[in-house]
Amino acid sequence: MKNITCKDLLTKYINNYNYIIIDLRDSFTFSKGHIPNSYNIPYELFTKKYAYYLNRTMTYYLICEGGERSKECVNLLLKNNYKAVNISDGYKNWKGPIEYNY
């Protein structure tokens, strides 16, 4: 499994690499602050319906609060032939721009 840190993700974010960030935190927590342009698919929904939301041609970067749930979901995707990367240190370590939903 490929892991990167929030610092590595920030470098990709600034350099505008082609990727999709999926935030696995619950919707309420996501609305209080998240990485701009990330998608919120809460963990419980993601583990049951990921195939509905994703396709195998894209690379997905998964983030949760601390890195454990995203690790579990990345393993699930990799076992099912998706391209995924775990953000190992979680959103709590994100130092880049933040977007809010009110």
C-alpha atoms as a PDB file:
ATOM      1  CA  MET A   1       0.000   0.000   0.000  1.00  0.00           C
ATOM      2  CA  LYS A   2       1.232   3.469  -0.829  1.00  0.00           C
ATOM      3  CA  ASN A   3       1.138   5.996   1.990  1.00  0.00           C
ATOM      4  CA  ILE A   4       1.839   9.708   1.887  1.00  0.00           C
ATOM      5  CA  THR A   5       1.714  12.375   4.566  1.00  0.00           C
ATOM      6  CA  CYS A   6      -0.334  15.560   4.626  1.00  0.00           C
ATOM      7  CA  LYS A   7       2.886  17.434   3.830  1.00  0.00           C
ATOM      8  CA  ASP A   8       3.335  15.319   0.660  1.00  0.00           C
ATOM      9  CA  LEU A   9      -0.308  15.888  -0.253  1.00  0.00           C
ATOM     10  CA  LEU A  10       0.102  19.639   0.165  1.00  0.00           C
ATOM     11  CA  THR A  11       2.970  19.570  -2.356  1.00  0.00           C
ATOM     12  CA  LYS A  12       0.727  17.711  -4.812  1.00  0.00           C
ATOM     13  CA  TYR A  13      -2.113  20.129  -4.083  1.00  0.00           C
ATOM     14  CA  ILE A  14       0.046  23.194  -4.756  1.00  0.00           C
ATOM     15  CA  ASN A  15       1.446  21.668  -7.948  1.00  0.00           C
ATOM     16  CA  ASN A  16      -2.072  20.702  -9.092  1.00  0.00           C
ATOM     17  CA  TYR A  17      -1.526  17.011  -9.779  1.00  0.00           C
ATOM     18  CA  ASN A  18      -4.442  15.039 -11.198  1.00  0.00           C
ATOM     19  CA  TYR A  19      -6.023  13.195  -8.283  1.00  0.00           C
ATOM     20  CA  ILE A  20      -9.228  12.959  -6.288  1.00  0.00           C
ATOM     21  CA  ILE A  21      -9.274  13.353  -2.507  1.00  0.00           C
ATOM     22  CA  ILE A  22     -11.969  11.478  -0.610  1.00  0.00           C
ATOM     23  CA  ASP A  23     -12.596  12.546   2.967  1.00  0.00           C
ATOM     24  CA  LEU A  24     -14.020   9.689   5.036  1.00  0.00           C
ATOM     25  CA  ARG A  25     -15.025  11.740   8.071  1.00  0.00           C
ATOM     26  CA  ASP A  26     -18.711  12.180   8.887  1.00  0.00           C
ATOM     27  CA  SER A  27     -20.609  14.945   7.078  1.00  0.00           C
ATOM     28  CA  PHE A  28     -20.862  17.217  10.121  1.00  0.00           C
ATOM     29  CA  THR A  29     -17.112  17.130  10.765  1.00  0.00           C
ATOM     30  CA  PHE A  30     -16.402  17.595   7.046  1.00  0.00           C
ATOM     31  CA  SER A  31     -18.616  20.717   6.973  1.00  0.00           C
ATOM     32  CA  LYS A  32     -16.557  22.261   9.800  1.00  0.00           C
ATOM     33  CA  GLY A  33     -13.417  22.194   7.614  1.00  0.00           C
ATOM     34  CA  HIS A  34     -11.929  20.119   4.802  1.00  0.00           C
ATOM     35  CA  ILE A  35      -9.393  20.192   1.986  1.00  0.00           C
ATOM     36  CA  PRO A  36     -10.805  22.318  -0.862  1.00  0.00           C
ATOM     37  CA  ASN A  37     -12.274  20.278  -3.738  1.00  0.00           C
ATOM     38  CA  SER A  38     -12.262  17.068  -1.705  1.00  0.00           C
ATOM     39  CA  TYR A  39     -15.294  14.780  -1.748  1.00  0.00           C
ATOM     40  CA  ASN A  40     -17.009  13.619   1.394  1.00  0.00           C
ATOM     41  CA  ILE A  41     -18.047   9.973   1.478  1.00  0.00           C
ATOM     42  CA  PRO A  42     -18.402   9.042   5.155  1.00  0.00           C
ATOM     43  CA  TYR A  43     -16.621   5.846   6.179  1.00  0.00           C
ATOM     44  CA  GLU A  44     -19.789   3.830   6.859  1.00  0.00           C
ATOM     45  CA  LEU A  45     -21.214   4.655   3.434  1.00  0.00           C
ATOM     46  CA  PHE A  46     -17.876   4.246   1.662  1.00  0.00           C
ATOM     47  CA  THR A  47     -17.286   0.694   2.897  1.00  0.00           C
ATOM     48  CA  LYS A  48     -20.686  -0.402   1.544  1.00  0.00           C
ATOM     49  CA  LYS A  49     -21.073   1.632  -1.658  1.00  0.00           C
ATOM     50  CA  TYR A  50     -17.612   2.649  -2.898  1.00  0.00           C
ATOM     51  CA  ALA A  51     -18.153   0.912  -6.258  1.00  0.00           C
ATOM     52  CA  TYR A  52     -21.141   3.183  -6.890  1.00  0.00           C
ATOM     53  CA  TYR A  53     -18.992   6.321  -6.525  1.00  0.00           C
ATOM     54  CA  LEU A  54     -15.614   5.338  -7.982  1.00  0.00           C
ATOM     55  CA  ASN A  55     -14.130   4.089 -11.220  1.00  0.00           C
ATOM     56  CA  ARG A  56     -10.934   2.190 -11.788  1.00  0.00           C
ATOM     57  CA  THR A  57      -9.306   4.754 -14.099  1.00  0.00           C
ATOM     58  CA  MET A  58      -8.737   7.390 -11.408  1.00  0.00           C
ATOM     59  CA  THR A  59      -6.329   7.532  -8.483  1.00  0.00           C
ATOM     60  CA  TYR A  60      -7.945   8.268  -5.146  1.00  0.00           C
ATOM     61  CA  TYR A  61      -6.276   9.786  -2.090  1.00  0.00           C
ATOM     62  CA  LEU A  62      -8.185   8.820   1.050  1.00  0.00           C
ATOM     63  CA  ILE A  63      -8.094  10.809   4.260  1.00  0.00           C
ATOM     64  CA  CYS A  64      -9.765  10.469   7.645  1.00  0.00           C
ATOM     65  CA  GLU A  65      -9.072  12.160  10.971  1.00  0.00           C
ATOM     66  CA  GLY A  66      -6.079  10.048  12.029  1.00  0.00           C
ATOM     67  CA  GLY A  67      -5.179   7.650   9.205  1.00  0.00           C
ATOM     68  CA  GLU A  68      -6.619   4.317  10.366  1.00  0.00           C
ATOM     69  CA  ARG A  69      -9.966   4.305   8.562  1.00  0.00           C
ATOM     70  CA  SER A  70      -8.401   5.588   5.372  1.00  0.00           C
ATOM     71  CA  LYS A  71      -5.822   2.787   5.569  1.00  0.00           C
ATOM     72  CA  GLU A  72      -8.615   0.216   5.865  1.00  0.00           C
ATOM     73  CA  CYS A  73     -10.503   1.724   2.911  1.00  0.00           C
ATOM     74  CA  VAL A  74      -7.379   1.911   0.735  1.00  0.00           C
ATOM     75  CA  ASN A  75      -6.783  -1.801   1.372  1.00  0.00           C
ATOM     76  CA  LEU A  76     -10.389  -2.489   0.342  1.00  0.00           C
ATOM     77  CA  LEU A  77      -9.929  -0.548  -2.890  1.00  0.00           C
ATOM     78  CA  LEU A  78      -6.596  -2.156  -3.728  1.00  0.00           C
ATOM     79  CA  LYS A  79      -8.068  -5.639  -3.241  1.00  0.00           C
ATOM     80  CA  ASN A  80     -10.744  -4.695  -5.780  1.00  0.00           C
ATOM     81  CA  ASN A  81      -8.348  -3.309  -8.404  1.00  0.00           C
ATOM     82  CA  TYR A  82      -8.748   0.407  -7.731  1.00  0.00           C
ATOM     83  CA  LYS A  83      -5.835   2.860  -7.508  1.00  0.00           C
ATOM     84  CA  ALA A  84      -5.681   4.372  -4.047  1.00  0.00           C
ATOM     85  CA  VAL A  85      -3.244   6.090  -1.699  1.00  0.00           C
ATOM     86  CA  ASN A  86      -3.541   6.454   2.058  1.00  0.00           C
ATOM     87  CA  ILE A  87      -2.896   9.822   3.691  1.00  0.00           C
ATOM     88  CA  SER A  88      -1.275   8.218   6.691  1.00  0.00           C
ATOM     89  CA  ASP A  89      -1.240  11.027   9.235  1.00  0.00           C
ATOM     90  CA  GLY A  90      -4.846  12.131   8.751  1.00  0.00           C
ATOM     91  CA  TYR A  91      -6.663  15.417   8.441  1.00  0.00           C
ATOM     92  CA  LYS A  92      -5.569  16.477  11.924  1.00  0.00           C
ATOM     93  CA  ASN A  93      -2.119  17.151  10.376  1.00  0.00           C
ATOM     94  CA  TRP A  94      -3.333  19.083   7.301  1.00  0.00           C
ATOM     95  CA  LYS A  95      -1.620  22.498   7.176  1.00  0.00           C
ATOM     96  CA  GLY A  96      -2.910  23.657   3.788  1.00  0.00           C
ATOM     97  CA  PRO A  97      -5.965  25.638   2.757  1.00  0.00           C
ATOM     98  CA  ILE A  98      -9.301  24.746   4.338  1.00  0.00           C
ATOM     99  CA  GLU A  99     -12.801  25.085   2.935  1.00  0.00           C
ATOM    100  CA  TYR A 100     -15.958  25.258   5.055  1.00  0.00           C
ATOM    101  CA  ASN A 101     -19.601  24.374   4.362  1.00  0.00           C
ATOM    102  CA  TYR A 102     -22.091  26.426   6.291  1.00  0.00           C
END
